C-alpha atoms as a PDB file:
ATOM      1  CA  UNK A   1     135.886  78.787 185.633  1.00  0.00           C
ATOM      2  CA  UNK A   2     135.402  78.756 181.901  1.00  0.00           C
ATOM      3  CA  UNK A   3     134.263  75.299 180.781  1.00  0.00           C
ATOM      4  CA  UNK A   4     136.612  75.072 177.787  1.00  0.00           C
ATOM      5  CA  UNK A   5     139.598  76.094 179.918  1.00  0.00           C
ATOM      6  CA  UNK A   6     138.706  73.524 182.576  1.00  0.00           C
ATOM      7  CA  UNK A   7     138.498  70.795 179.952  1.00  0.00           C
ATOM      8  CA  UNK A   8     141.786  71.854 178.347  1.00  0.00           C
ATOM      9  CA  UNK A   9     143.698  71.948 181.619  1.00  0.00           C
ATOM     10  CA  UNK A  10     142.320  68.522 182.522  1.00  0.00           C
ATOM     11  CA  UNK A  11     143.708  67.139 179.252  1.00  0.00           C
ATOM     12  CA  UNK A  12     147.034  68.971 179.544  1.00  0.00           C
ATOM     13  CA  UNK A  13     147.616  67.922 183.145  1.00  0.00           C
ATOM     14  CA  UNK A  14     146.336  64.336 182.775  1.00  0.00           C
ATOM     15  CA  UNK A  15     143.488  64.569 185.234  1.00  0.00           C
ATOM     16  CA  UNK A  16     139.709  64.932 185.330  1.00  0.00           C
ATOM     17  CA  UNK A  17     137.589  68.054 185.089  1.00  0.00           C
ATOM     18  CA  UNK A  18     136.563  67.532 188.696  1.00  0.00           C
ATOM     19  CA  UNK A  19     140.241  67.606 189.708  1.00  0.00           C
ATOM     20  CA  UNK A  20     140.755  70.997 188.050  1.00  0.00           C
ATOM     21  CA  UNK A  21     137.618  72.423 189.660  1.00  0.00           C
ATOM     22  CA  UNK A  22     138.377  71.055 193.133  1.00  0.00           C
ATOM     23  CA  UNK A  23     140.161  73.056 195.829  1.00  0.00           C
ATOM     24  CA  UNK A  24     142.986  70.515 196.177  1.00  0.00           C
ATOM     25  CA  UNK A  25     146.280  70.532 194.310  1.00  0.00           C
ATOM     26  CA  UNK A  26     146.756  67.946 191.578  1.00  0.00           C
ATOM     27  CA  UNK A  27     149.886  65.858 190.941  1.00  0.00           C
ATOM     28  CA  UNK A  28     149.911  63.452 187.993  1.00  0.00           C
ATOM     29  CA  UNK A  29     152.436  61.423 186.049  1.00  0.00           C
ATOM     30  CA  UNK A  30     152.532  62.906 182.560  1.00  0.00           C
ATOM     31  CA  UNK A  31     151.257  60.899 179.619  1.00  0.00           C
ATOM     32  CA  UNK A  32     150.497  62.769 176.361  1.00  0.00           C
ATOM     33  CA  UNK A  33     146.733  62.960 175.950  1.00  0.00           C
ATOM     34  CA  UNK A  34     144.757  63.448 172.715  1.00  0.00           C
ATOM     35  CA  UNK A  35     143.649  67.055 172.434  1.00  0.00           C
ATOM     36  CA  UNK A  36     146.501  68.480 174.538  1.00  0.00           C
ATOM     37  CA  UNK A  37     147.983  71.859 173.754  1.00  0.00           C
ATOM     38  CA  UNK A  38     151.055  71.506 171.581  1.00  0.00           C
ATOM     39  CA  UNK A  39     154.038  73.748 172.184  1.00  0.00           C
ATOM     40  CA  UNK A  40     157.013  74.167 169.877  1.00  0.00           C
ATOM     41  CA  UNK A  41     159.432  73.187 172.682  1.00  0.00           C
ATOM     42  CA  UNK A  42     157.838  69.719 172.757  1.00  0.00           C
ATOM     43  CA  UNK A  43     156.946  67.527 175.692  1.00  0.00           C
ATOM     44  CA  UNK A  44     158.484  68.692 178.956  1.00  0.00           C
ATOM     45  CA  UNK A  45     159.871  66.957 182.011  1.00  0.00           C
ATOM     46  CA  UNK A  46     157.540  68.959 184.251  1.00  0.00           C
ATOM     47  CA  UNK A  47     154.827  71.555 183.833  1.00  0.00           C
ATOM     48  CA  UNK A  48     152.884  73.364 186.510  1.00  0.00           C
ATOM     49  CA  UNK A  49     149.957  75.759 186.562  1.00  0.00           C
ATOM     50  CA  UNK A  50     148.448  78.057 189.151  1.00  0.00           C
ATOM     51  CA  UNK A  51     144.724  78.396 188.557  1.00  0.00           C
ATOM     52  CA  UNK A  52     141.706  79.137 190.730  1.00  0.00           C
ATOM     53  CA  UNK A  53     143.969  79.406 193.794  1.00  0.00           C
ATOM     54  CA  UNK A  54     145.425  75.905 193.395  1.00  0.00           C
ATOM     55  CA  UNK A  55     148.307  74.092 191.697  1.00  0.00           C
ATOM     56  CA  UNK A  56     148.398  71.565 188.877  1.00  0.00           C
ATOM     57  CA  UNK A  57     151.564  69.530 188.344  1.00  0.00           C
ATOM     58  CA  UNK A  58     152.256  66.918 185.694  1.00  0.00           C
ATOM     59  CA  UNK A  59     155.585  65.317 184.849  1.00  0.00           C
ATOM     60  CA  UNK A  60     157.923  62.391 185.283  1.00  0.00           C
ATOM     61  CA  UNK A  61     157.322  60.220 188.376  1.00  0.00           C
ATOM     62  CA  UNK A  62     160.456  61.242 190.268  1.00  0.00           C
ATOM     63  CA  UNK A  63     159.845  64.992 190.060  1.00  0.00           C
ATOM     64  CA  UNK A  64     156.112  64.602 190.735  1.00  0.00           C
ATOM     65  CA  UNK A  65     156.881  62.646 193.896  1.00  0.00           C
ATOM     66  CA  UNK A  66     159.162  65.465 195.066  1.00  0.00           C
ATOM     67  CA  UNK A  67     156.675  68.192 194.117  1.00  0.00           C
ATOM     68  CA  UNK A  68     153.828  66.499 195.975  1.00  0.00           C
ATOM     69  CA  UNK A  69     155.947  66.156 199.102  1.00  0.00           C
ATOM     70  CA  UNK A  70     157.263  69.717 198.841  1.00  0.00           C
ATOM     71  CA  UNK A  71     154.097  71.643 197.945  1.00  0.00           C
ATOM     72  CA  UNK A  72     151.351  69.410 199.316  1.00  0.00           C
ATOM     73  CA  UNK A  73     148.205  71.505 199.314  1.00  0.00           C
ATOM     74  CA  UNK A  74     149.888  74.928 199.342  1.00  0.00           C
ATOM     75  CA  UNK A  75     148.022  77.795 197.723  1.00  0.00           C
ATOM     76  CA  UNK A  76     148.787  78.517 194.095  1.00  0.00           C
ATOM     77  CA  UNK A  77     148.400  82.265 194.619  1.00  0.00           C
ATOM     78  CA  UNK A  78     152.048  82.891 195.487  1.00  0.00           C
ATOM     79  CA  UNK A  79     153.630  79.909 193.778  1.00  0.00           C
ATOM     80  CA  UNK A  80     155.427  81.862 191.059  1.00  0.00           C
ATOM     81  CA  UNK A  81     157.248  84.212 193.376  1.00  0.00           C
ATOM     82  CA  UNK A  82     160.976  84.146 192.762  1.00  0.00           C
ATOM     83  CA  UNK A  83     161.925  82.167 195.863  1.00  0.00           C
ATOM     84  CA  UNK A  84     159.701  79.289 194.739  1.00  0.00           C
ATOM     85  CA  UNK A  85     160.900  79.416 191.143  1.00  0.00           C
ATOM     86  CA  UNK A  86     164.511  79.424 192.320  1.00  0.00           C
ATOM     87  CA  UNK A  87     163.933  76.392 194.528  1.00  0.00           C
ATOM     88  CA  UNK A  88     162.181  74.501 191.747  1.00  0.00           C
ATOM     89  CA  UNK A  89     164.857  75.460 189.241  1.00  0.00           C
ATOM     90  CA  UNK A  90     167.586  74.188 191.587  1.00  0.00           C
ATOM     91  CA  UNK A  91     165.740  70.886 192.010  1.00  0.00           C
ATOM     92  CA  UNK A  92     165.275  70.515 188.259  1.00  0.00           C
ATOM     93  CA  UNK A  93     169.056  70.639 187.799  1.00  0.00           C
ATOM     94  CA  UNK A  94     169.261  67.275 189.592  1.00  0.00           C
ATOM     95  CA  UNK A  95     167.480  65.871 186.529  1.00  0.00           C
ATOM     96  CA  UNK A  96     169.378  67.868 183.912  1.00  0.00           C
ATOM     97  CA  UNK A  97     166.520  70.336 183.416  1.00  0.00           C
ATOM     98  CA  UNK A  98     165.596  73.919 184.200  1.00  0.00           C
ATOM     99  CA  UNK A  99     162.550  76.153 184.093  1.00  0.00           C
ATOM    100  CA  UNK A 100     161.986  77.184 180.494  1.00  0.00           C
ATOM    101  CA  UNK A 101     159.131  79.663 180.654  1.00  0.00           C
ATOM    102  CA  UNK A 102     156.745  81.013 183.283  1.00  0.00           C
ATOM    103  CA  UNK A 103     153.883  83.099 181.918  1.00  0.00           C
ATOM    104  CA  UNK A 104     150.514  84.558 182.891  1.00  0.00           C
ATOM    105  CA  UNK A 105     147.751  83.616 180.459  1.00  0.00           C
ATOM    106  CA  UNK A 106     144.591  85.495 179.516  1.00  0.00           C
ATOM    107  CA  UNK A 107     141.355  84.325 177.901  1.00  0.00           C
ATOM    108  CA  UNK A 108     138.456  86.114 176.223  1.00  0.00           C
ATOM    109  CA  UNK A 109     134.885  84.833 176.079  1.00  0.00           C
ATOM    110  CA  UNK A 110     132.955  87.719 174.492  1.00  0.00           C
ATOM    111  CA  UNK A 111     133.226  89.545 171.186  1.00  0.00           C
ATOM    112  CA  UNK A 112     133.716  93.296 171.191  1.00  0.00           C
ATOM    113  CA  UNK A 113     133.089  96.056 168.691  1.00  0.00           C
ATOM    114  CA  UNK A 114     136.316  97.336 167.174  1.00  0.00           C
ATOM    115  CA  UNK A 115     136.812 100.758 165.586  1.00  0.00           C
ATOM    116  CA  UNK A 116     139.355 100.371 162.783  1.00  0.00           C
ATOM    117  CA  UNK A 117     139.110 104.005 161.686  1.00  0.00           C
ATOM    118  CA  UNK A 118     140.679 104.684 158.301  1.00  0.00           C
ATOM    119  CA  UNK A 119     142.912 101.606 158.394  1.00  0.00           C
ATOM    120  CA  UNK A 120     142.820  98.834 155.822  1.00  0.00           C
ATOM    121  CA  UNK A 121     142.304  95.512 157.631  1.00  0.00           C
ATOM    122  CA  UNK A 122     143.372  92.361 155.774  1.00  0.00           C
ATOM    123  CA  UNK A 123     142.849  88.753 156.890  1.00  0.00           C
ATOM    124  CA  UNK A 124     145.209  85.969 155.772  1.00  0.00           C
ATOM    125  CA  UNK A 125     144.563  82.233 156.066  1.00  0.00           C
ATOM    126  CA  UNK A 126     146.023  78.977 154.754  1.00  0.00           C
ATOM    127  CA  UNK A 127     148.650  79.373 152.050  1.00  0.00           C
ATOM    128  CA  UNK A 128     148.318  83.161 152.216  1.00  0.00           C
ATOM    129  CA  UNK A 129     150.391  83.061 155.394  1.00  0.00           C
ATOM    130  CA  UNK A 130     153.401  81.657 153.526  1.00  0.00           C
ATOM    131  CA  UNK A 131     154.335  85.102 152.213  1.00  0.00           C
ATOM    132  CA  UNK A 132     155.379  86.017 155.765  1.00  0.00           C
ATOM    133  CA  UNK A 133     157.590  82.973 156.397  1.00  0.00           C
ATOM    134  CA  UNK A 134     161.096  84.030 157.350  1.00  0.00           C
ATOM    135  CA  UNK A 135     160.042  87.649 157.959  1.00  0.00           C
ATOM    136  CA  UNK A 136     161.496  88.565 161.345  1.00  0.00           C
ATOM    137  CA  UNK A 137     158.930  91.309 161.832  1.00  0.00           C
ATOM    138  CA  UNK A 138     156.340  88.652 162.674  1.00  0.00           C
ATOM    139  CA  UNK A 139     158.191  86.455 165.156  1.00  0.00           C
ATOM    140  CA  UNK A 140     155.386  86.762 167.728  1.00  0.00           C
ATOM    141  CA  UNK A 141     152.453  86.537 165.325  1.00  0.00           C
ATOM    142  CA  UNK A 142     153.522  83.317 163.561  1.00  0.00           C
ATOM    143  CA  UNK A 143     155.504  80.194 164.400  1.00  0.00           C
ATOM    144  CA  UNK A 144     155.761  78.446 161.031  1.00  0.00           C
ATOM    145  CA  UNK A 145     156.135  75.115 162.829  1.00  0.00           C
ATOM    146  CA  UNK A 146     154.442  71.862 161.900  1.00  0.00           C
ATOM    147  CA  UNK A 147     152.729  71.986 165.300  1.00  0.00           C
ATOM    148  CA  UNK A 148     151.138  74.116 166.554  1.00  0.00           C
ATOM    149  CA  UNK A 149     149.812  75.329 163.236  1.00  0.00           C
ATOM    150  CA  UNK A 150     149.441  78.961 162.203  1.00  0.00           C
ATOM    151  CA  UNK A 151     145.781  79.492 161.309  1.00  0.00           C
ATOM    152  CA  UNK A 152     144.949  83.174 160.803  1.00  0.00           C
ATOM    153  CA  UNK A 153     146.732  86.479 160.394  1.00  0.00           C
ATOM    154  CA  UNK A 154     145.093  89.903 160.593  1.00  0.00           C
ATOM    155  CA  UNK A 155     147.057  92.966 159.491  1.00  0.00           C
ATOM    156  CA  UNK A 156     146.490  96.707 159.624  1.00  0.00           C
ATOM    157  CA  UNK A 157     147.683  98.827 156.704  1.00  0.00           C
ATOM    158  CA  UNK A 158     147.697 102.573 156.118  1.00  0.00           C
ATOM    159  CA  UNK A 159     148.898 104.405 153.028  1.00  0.00           C
ATOM    160  CA  UNK A 160     150.522 101.216 151.774  1.00  0.00           C
ATOM    161  CA  UNK A 161     152.487 100.649 155.002  1.00  0.00           C
ATOM    162  CA  UNK A 162     152.023  97.639 157.260  1.00  0.00           C
ATOM    163  CA  UNK A 163     151.443  98.774 160.848  1.00  0.00           C
ATOM    164  CA  UNK A 164     151.010  95.453 162.642  1.00  0.00           C
ATOM    165  CA  UNK A 165     150.032  91.810 162.459  1.00  0.00           C
ATOM    166  CA  UNK A 166     148.177  89.535 164.870  1.00  0.00           C
ATOM    167  CA  UNK A 167     148.386  85.785 164.354  1.00  0.00           C
ATOM    168  CA  UNK A 168     146.544  82.783 165.775  1.00  0.00           C
ATOM    169  CA  UNK A 169     147.962  79.298 166.259  1.00  0.00           C
ATOM    170  CA  UNK A 170     145.847  76.237 167.019  1.00  0.00           C
ATOM    171  CA  UNK A 171     147.656  75.077 170.143  1.00  0.00           C
ATOM    172  CA  UNK A 172     144.759  72.651 170.540  1.00  0.00           C
ATOM    173  CA  UNK A 173     141.436  72.135 168.821  1.00  0.00           C
ATOM    174  CA  UNK A 174     139.650  73.952 171.643  1.00  0.00           C
ATOM    175  CA  UNK A 175     142.049  76.810 172.356  1.00  0.00           C
ATOM    176  CA  UNK A 176     143.877  79.050 169.885  1.00  0.00           C
ATOM    177  CA  UNK A 177     146.670  81.345 171.005  1.00  0.00           C
ATOM    178  CA  UNK A 178     147.171  84.903 169.751  1.00  0.00           C
ATOM    179  CA  UNK A 179     150.514  86.610 169.135  1.00  0.00           C
ATOM    180  CA  UNK A 180     151.051  90.208 168.030  1.00  0.00           C
ATOM    181  CA  UNK A 181     153.739  92.277 166.329  1.00  0.00           C
ATOM    182  CA  UNK A 182     153.448  96.039 165.917  1.00  0.00           C
ATOM    183  CA  UNK A 183     155.898  97.971 163.771  1.00  0.00           C
ATOM    184  CA  UNK A 184     158.077 100.397 165.799  1.00  0.00           C
ATOM    185  CA  UNK A 185     156.644 103.458 164.045  1.00  0.00           C
ATOM    186  CA  UNK A 186     153.092 102.359 164.964  1.00  0.00           C
ATOM    187  CA  UNK A 187     153.632 101.601 168.650  1.00  0.00           C
ATOM    188  CA  UNK A 188     151.522 103.263 171.367  1.00  0.00           C
ATOM    189  CA  UNK A 189     148.719 104.027 168.953  1.00  0.00           C
ATOM    190  CA  UNK A 190     146.362 101.211 169.935  1.00  0.00           C
ATOM    191  CA  UNK A 191     147.211  99.085 166.894  1.00  0.00           C
ATOM    192  CA  UNK A 192     148.122  96.024 168.967  1.00  0.00           C
ATOM    193  CA  UNK A 193     144.950  95.897 171.049  1.00  0.00           C
ATOM    194  CA  UNK A 194     142.818  96.615 167.976  1.00  0.00           C
ATOM    195  CA  UNK A 195     144.308  93.711 165.997  1.00  0.00           C
ATOM    196  CA  UNK A 196     144.172  91.335 168.965  1.00  0.00           C
ATOM    197  CA  UNK A 197     140.494  92.216 169.488  1.00  0.00           C
ATOM    198  CA  UNK A 198     139.719  91.622 165.797  1.00  0.00           C
ATOM    199  CA  UNK A 199     141.442  88.248 165.864  1.00  0.00           C
ATOM    200  CA  UNK A 200     139.757  87.347 169.142  1.00  0.00           C
ATOM    201  CA  UNK A 201     136.393  87.934 167.475  1.00  0.00           C
ATOM    202  CA  UNK A 202     137.385  85.702 164.539  1.00  0.00           C
ATOM    203  CA  UNK A 203     138.400  82.867 166.868  1.00  0.00           C
ATOM    204  CA  UNK A 204     135.193  83.104 168.901  1.00  0.00           C
ATOM    205  CA  UNK A 205     133.185  82.949 165.671  1.00  0.00           C
ATOM    206  CA  UNK A 206     134.940  79.647 164.940  1.00  0.00           C
ATOM    207  CA  UNK A 207     133.819  78.228 168.282  1.00  0.00           C
ATOM    208  CA  UNK A 208     137.278  78.210 169.852  1.00  0.00           C
ATOM    209  CA  UNK A 209     138.506  79.900 173.023  1.00  0.00           C
ATOM    210  CA  UNK A 210     141.161  82.551 172.306  1.00  0.00           C
ATOM    211  CA  UNK A 211     144.033  82.856 174.772  1.00  0.00           C
ATOM    212  CA  UNK A 212     147.016  85.140 175.111  1.00  0.00           C
ATOM    213  CA  UNK A 213     150.272  84.537 176.968  1.00  0.00           C
ATOM    214  CA  UNK A 214     153.047  86.980 177.780  1.00  0.00           C
ATOM    215  CA  UNK A 215     155.966  87.547 180.135  1.00  0.00           C
ATOM    216  CA  UNK A 216     155.300  88.489 183.746  1.00  0.00           C
ATOM    217  CA  UNK A 217     157.322  91.669 183.278  1.00  0.00           C
ATOM    218  CA  UNK A 218     155.856  92.648 179.896  1.00  0.00           C
ATOM    219  CA  UNK A 219     153.304  95.119 181.204  1.00  0.00           C
ATOM    220  CA  UNK A 220     152.689  96.714 177.812  1.00  0.00           C
ATOM    221  CA  UNK A 221     151.743  93.319 176.381  1.00  0.00           C
ATOM    222  CA  UNK A 222     149.440  92.615 179.306  1.00  0.00           C
ATOM    223  CA  UNK A 223     147.725  95.958 178.704  1.00  0.00           C
ATOM    224  CA  UNK A 224     147.164  94.974 175.078  1.00  0.00           C
ATOM    225  CA  UNK A 225     145.370  91.849 176.266  1.00  0.00           C
ATOM    226  CA  UNK A 226     143.174  93.735 178.739  1.00  0.00           C
ATOM    227  CA  UNK A 227     142.269  96.446 176.222  1.00  0.00           C
ATOM    228  CA  UNK A 228     141.354  93.758 173.689  1.00  0.00           C
ATOM    229  CA  UNK A 229     138.819  92.230 176.092  1.00  0.00           C
ATOM    230  CA  UNK A 230     140.916  89.497 177.718  1.00  0.00           C
ATOM    231  CA  UNK A 231     141.167  88.771 181.430  1.00  0.00           C
ATOM    232  CA  UNK A 232     143.794  86.836 183.451  1.00  0.00           C
ATOM    233  CA  UNK A 233     142.891  83.160 183.836  1.00  0.00           C
ATOM    234  CA  UNK A 234     145.945  81.164 184.917  1.00  0.00           C
ATOM    235  CA  UNK A 235     149.753  81.117 185.115  1.00  0.00           C
ATOM    236  CA  UNK A 236     151.869  78.259 183.825  1.00  0.00           C
ATOM    237  CA  UNK A 237     155.479  77.153 183.683  1.00  0.00           C
ATOM    238  CA  UNK A 238     157.277  74.427 181.804  1.00  0.00           C
ATOM    239  CA  UNK A 239     160.752  72.989 181.906  1.00  0.00           C
ATOM    240  CA  UNK A 240     163.411  72.241 179.330  1.00  0.00           C
ATOM    241  CA  UNK A 241     166.601  70.226 179.118  1.00  0.00           C
ATOM    242  CA  UNK A 242     169.831  71.966 180.077  1.00  0.00           C
END
Protein backbone atom coordinates (compact mmCIF):
# COMPACT_ATOMS: atom_id res chain seq x y z
CA UNK A 1 0.00 0.00 0.00
CA UNK A 2 1.05 3.57 -0.56
CA UNK A 3 2.85 4.88 2.54
CA UNK A 4 1.05 8.24 2.64
CA UNK A 5 -2.35 6.54 2.31
CA UNK A 6 -1.50 4.09 5.10
CA UNK A 7 -0.49 6.94 7.38
CA UNK A 8 -3.61 8.95 6.54
CA UNK A 9 -6.00 6.07 7.15
CA UNK A 10 -4.28 5.35 10.46
CA UNK A 11 -4.93 8.95 11.54
CA UNK A 12 -8.50 9.02 10.20
CA UNK A 13 -9.46 5.72 11.81
CA UNK A 14 -7.62 6.29 15.12
CA UNK A 15 -5.25 3.37 14.87
CA UNK A 16 -1.63 2.58 14.05
CA UNK A 17 0.01 2.09 10.68
CA UNK A 18 0.54 -1.56 11.57
CA UNK A 19 -3.22 -1.92 12.11
CA UNK A 20 -3.97 -0.61 8.61
CA UNK A 21 -1.36 -2.89 7.03
CA UNK A 22 -2.44 -6.00 8.96
CA UNK A 23 -4.89 -8.57 7.60
CA UNK A 24 -7.32 -8.12 10.51
CA UNK A 25 -10.26 -5.73 10.65
CA UNK A 26 -9.92 -2.68 12.86
CA UNK A 27 -12.57 -1.27 15.22
CA UNK A 28 -11.79 1.90 17.17
CA UNK A 29 -13.65 4.47 19.21
CA UNK A 30 -13.43 7.73 17.28
CA UNK A 31 -11.43 10.62 18.68
CA UNK A 32 -10.47 13.46 16.29
CA UNK A 33 -6.76 13.19 15.56
CA UNK A 34 -4.40 15.96 14.38
CA UNK A 35 -3.81 15.62 10.65
CA UNK A 36 -7.14 13.88 9.91
CA UNK A 37 -8.96 14.51 6.68
CA UNK A 38 -11.58 17.20 7.11
CA UNK A 39 -14.92 16.86 5.37
CA UNK A 40 -17.53 19.58 5.01
CA UNK A 41 -20.18 17.37 6.68
CA UNK A 42 -18.12 17.43 9.89
CA UNK A 43 -17.37 14.66 12.34
CA UNK A 44 -19.55 11.59 11.85
CA UNK A 45 -21.12 9.05 14.16
CA UNK A 46 -19.48 6.22 12.21
CA UNK A 47 -17.15 5.86 9.26
CA UNK A 48 -15.93 2.70 7.61
CA UNK A 49 -13.44 1.86 4.89
CA UNK A 50 -12.70 -1.20 2.81
CA UNK A 51 -9.02 -1.30 1.92
CA UNK A 52 -6.52 -4.03 1.11
CA UNK A 53 -9.24 -6.67 1.57
CA UNK A 54 -10.08 -5.62 5.13
CA UNK A 55 -12.37 -3.25 7.04
CA UNK A 56 -11.65 -0.18 9.14
CA UNK A 57 -14.36 1.13 11.47
CA UNK A 58 -14.24 4.14 13.75
CA UNK A 59 -17.12 5.73 15.62
CA UNK A 60 -19.04 6.05 18.85
CA UNK A 61 -18.60 3.18 21.34
CA UNK A 62 -22.11 1.74 21.01
CA UNK A 63 -22.04 1.40 17.22
CA UNK A 64 -18.43 0.15 17.22
CA UNK A 65 -19.38 -2.58 19.68
CA UNK A 66 -22.21 -3.67 17.37
CA UNK A 67 -20.04 -3.49 14.24
CA UNK A 68 -17.29 -5.59 15.80
CA UNK A 69 -19.79 -8.25 16.85
CA UNK A 70 -21.56 -8.19 13.48
CA UNK A 71 -18.62 -8.08 11.06
CA UNK A 72 -15.81 -9.63 13.10
CA UNK A 73 -13.05 -10.41 10.64
CA UNK A 74 -15.21 -10.55 7.50
CA UNK A 75 -13.56 -9.63 4.22
CA UNK A 76 -13.86 -6.03 3.10
CA UNK A 77 -14.12 -7.05 -0.56
CA UNK A 78 -17.91 -7.35 -0.59
CA UNK A 79 -18.75 -5.05 2.30
CA UNK A 80 -20.38 -2.32 0.23
CA UNK A 81 -22.86 -4.55 -1.52
CA UNK A 82 -26.40 -3.30 -1.07
CA UNK A 83 -27.51 -5.94 1.43
CA UNK A 84 -24.74 -4.88 3.82
CA UNK A 85 -25.38 -1.17 3.34
CA UNK A 86 -29.08 -1.70 3.96
CA UNK A 87 -28.41 -3.61 7.17
CA UNK A 88 -25.99 -0.96 8.41
CA UNK A 89 -28.36 1.83 7.46
CA UNK A 90 -31.20 0.16 9.39
CA UNK A 91 -28.97 -0.19 12.45
CA UNK A 92 -27.88 3.45 12.23
CA UNK A 93 -31.53 4.53 12.53
CA UNK A 94 -31.50 3.21 16.11
CA UNK A 95 -29.08 6.06 16.83
CA UNK A 96 -30.83 8.71 14.74
CA UNK A 97 -28.33 8.42 11.89
CA UNK A 98 -28.08 7.07 8.36
CA UNK A 99 -25.42 6.39 5.76
CA UNK A 100 -24.47 9.69 4.18
CA UNK A 101 -22.07 8.76 1.40
CA UNK A 102 -20.35 5.62 0.14
CA UNK A 103 -17.65 6.21 -2.46
CA UNK A 104 -14.73 4.51 -4.19
CA UNK A 105 -11.51 6.53 -3.96
CA UNK A 106 -8.56 6.69 -6.34
CA UNK A 107 -4.98 7.85 -5.83
CA UNK A 108 -2.16 8.78 -8.19
CA UNK A 109 1.55 8.46 -7.40
CA UNK A 110 3.25 9.34 -10.71
CA UNK A 111 3.22 12.41 -12.93
CA UNK A 112 2.18 12.05 -16.55
CA UNK A 113 2.77 14.06 -19.69
CA UNK A 114 -0.34 15.95 -20.75
CA UNK A 115 -1.09 17.18 -24.27
CA UNK A 116 -3.09 20.41 -23.96
CA UNK A 117 -3.22 21.01 -27.71
CA UNK A 118 -4.34 24.51 -28.65
CA UNK A 119 -6.07 25.17 -25.33
CA UNK A 120 -5.18 27.99 -22.99
CA UNK A 121 -4.46 26.52 -19.54
CA UNK A 122 -4.75 28.89 -16.57
CA UNK A 123 -3.87 28.14 -12.93
CA UNK A 124 -5.59 29.96 -10.06
CA UNK A 125 -4.45 30.00 -6.43
CA UNK A 126 -5.19 31.92 -3.23
CA UNK A 127 -7.40 34.97 -3.66
CA UNK A 128 -7.67 34.30 -7.40
CA UNK A 129 -10.16 31.56 -6.59
CA UNK A 130 -12.61 34.07 -5.10
CA UNK A 131 -13.83 35.11 -8.54
CA UNK A 132 -15.53 31.71 -8.81
CA UNK A 133 -17.34 31.83 -5.45
CA UNK A 134 -21.07 31.37 -5.91
CA UNK A 135 -20.67 30.17 -9.51
CA UNK A 136 -22.74 27.00 -9.75
CA UNK A 137 -20.72 25.76 -12.70
CA UNK A 138 -17.92 24.81 -10.30
CA UNK A 139 -19.79 22.95 -7.56
CA UNK A 140 -17.49 19.92 -7.86
CA UNK A 141 -14.22 21.80 -8.35
CA UNK A 142 -14.51 24.08 -5.30
CA UNK A 143 -16.12 23.97 -1.86
CA UNK A 144 -15.59 27.51 -0.59
CA UNK A 145 -15.74 26.21 2.98
CA UNK A 146 -13.46 27.21 5.83
CA UNK A 147 -12.32 23.58 5.97
CA UNK A 148 -11.28 21.83 3.85
CA UNK A 149 -9.65 24.70 2.02
CA UNK A 150 -9.67 25.22 -1.73
CA UNK A 151 -6.04 25.41 -2.85
CA UNK A 152 -5.69 25.33 -6.64
CA UNK A 153 -7.86 25.64 -9.71
CA UNK A 154 -6.80 24.77 -13.26
CA UNK A 155 -9.01 25.82 -16.17
CA UNK A 156 -9.03 25.15 -19.90
CA UNK A 157 -10.06 27.96 -22.24
CA UNK A 158 -10.54 28.10 -25.99
CA UNK A 159 -11.51 31.11 -28.07
CA UNK A 160 -12.43 32.99 -24.91
CA UNK A 161 -14.77 30.24 -23.65
CA UNK A 162 -14.21 28.30 -20.44
CA UNK A 163 -14.36 24.56 -21.12
CA UNK A 164 -13.72 23.12 -17.67
CA UNK A 165 -12.20 23.56 -14.24
CA UNK A 166 -10.42 21.15 -11.90
CA UNK A 167 -9.99 22.13 -8.27
CA UNK A 168 -7.96 20.78 -5.35
CA UNK A 169 -8.90 20.96 -1.68
CA UNK A 170 -6.49 20.22 1.16
CA UNK A 171 -8.57 17.61 2.97
CA UNK A 172 -5.44 17.01 5.04
CA UNK A 173 -1.85 18.18 4.88
CA UNK A 174 -0.81 14.90 3.26
CA UNK A 175 -3.69 14.28 0.86
CA UNK A 176 -5.43 16.74 -1.45
CA UNK A 177 -8.67 15.86 -3.19
CA UNK A 178 -9.50 16.75 -6.80
CA UNK A 179 -12.92 17.73 -8.13
CA UNK A 180 -13.81 18.48 -11.75
CA UNK A 181 -16.48 20.36 -13.68
CA UNK A 182 -16.69 20.27 -17.47
CA UNK A 183 -19.05 22.56 -19.36
CA UNK A 184 -21.85 20.67 -21.18
CA UNK A 185 -20.63 21.78 -24.61
CA UNK A 186 -17.14 20.40 -23.86
CA UNK A 187 -18.12 16.97 -22.53
CA UNK A 188 -16.72 13.76 -24.04
CA UNK A 189 -13.73 15.55 -25.49
CA UNK A 190 -11.16 14.52 -22.89
CA UNK A 191 -11.20 17.89 -21.12
CA UNK A 192 -11.96 16.37 -17.71
CA UNK A 193 -9.16 13.81 -17.69
CA UNK A 194 -6.71 16.36 -19.10
CA UNK A 195 -7.43 18.90 -16.34
CA UNK A 196 -7.40 16.25 -13.60
CA UNK A 197 -4.02 15.00 -14.86
CA UNK A 198 -2.61 18.55 -14.90
CA UNK A 199 -3.80 19.18 -11.36
CA UNK A 200 -2.52 15.79 -10.23
CA UNK A 201 0.93 16.77 -11.47
CA UNK A 202 0.75 20.08 -9.56
CA UNK A 203 -0.18 18.31 -6.32
CA UNK A 204 2.60 15.74 -6.68
CA UNK A 205 5.08 18.57 -7.23
CA UNK A 206 3.97 19.98 -3.87
CA UNK A 207 4.77 16.68 -2.15
CA UNK A 208 1.15 15.74 -1.47
CA UNK A 209 -0.79 12.65 -2.53
CA UNK A 210 -3.67 13.50 -4.89
CA UNK A 211 -6.90 11.54 -4.48
CA UNK A 212 -10.20 11.45 -6.30
CA UNK A 213 -13.58 10.27 -5.03
CA UNK A 214 -16.78 9.66 -6.96
CA UNK A 215 -20.07 7.79 -6.82
CA UNK A 216 -20.12 4.04 -7.32
CA UNK A 217 -22.49 4.47 -10.25
CA UNK A 218 -20.69 7.41 -11.87
CA UNK A 219 -18.76 5.40 -14.44
CA UNK A 220 -17.88 8.42 -16.56
CA UNK A 221 -16.23 10.06 -13.55
CA UNK A 222 -14.33 6.89 -12.74
CA UNK A 223 -13.05 6.79 -16.33
CA UNK A 224 -11.80 10.36 -15.94
CA UNK A 225 -9.77 9.25 -12.93
CA UNK A 226 -8.28 6.24 -14.72
CA UNK A 227 -7.42 8.22 -17.85
CA UNK A 228 -5.73 10.86 -15.68
CA UNK A 229 -3.40 8.26 -14.17
CA UNK A 230 -5.29 7.35 -10.99
CA UNK A 231 -6.00 3.84 -9.72
CA UNK A 232 -8.59 2.54 -7.20
CA UNK A 233 -7.22 2.45 -3.65
CA UNK A 234 -10.07 2.15 -1.15
CA UNK A 235 -13.81 2.61 -0.60
CA UNK A 236 -15.26 4.57 2.30
CA UNK A 237 -18.60 5.46 3.83
CA UNK A 238 -19.66 7.93 6.47
CA UNK A 239 -22.86 8.59 8.34
CA UNK A 240 -24.95 11.66 9.05
CA UNK A 241 -27.73 12.65 11.40
CA UNK A 242 -31.29 12.06 10.24
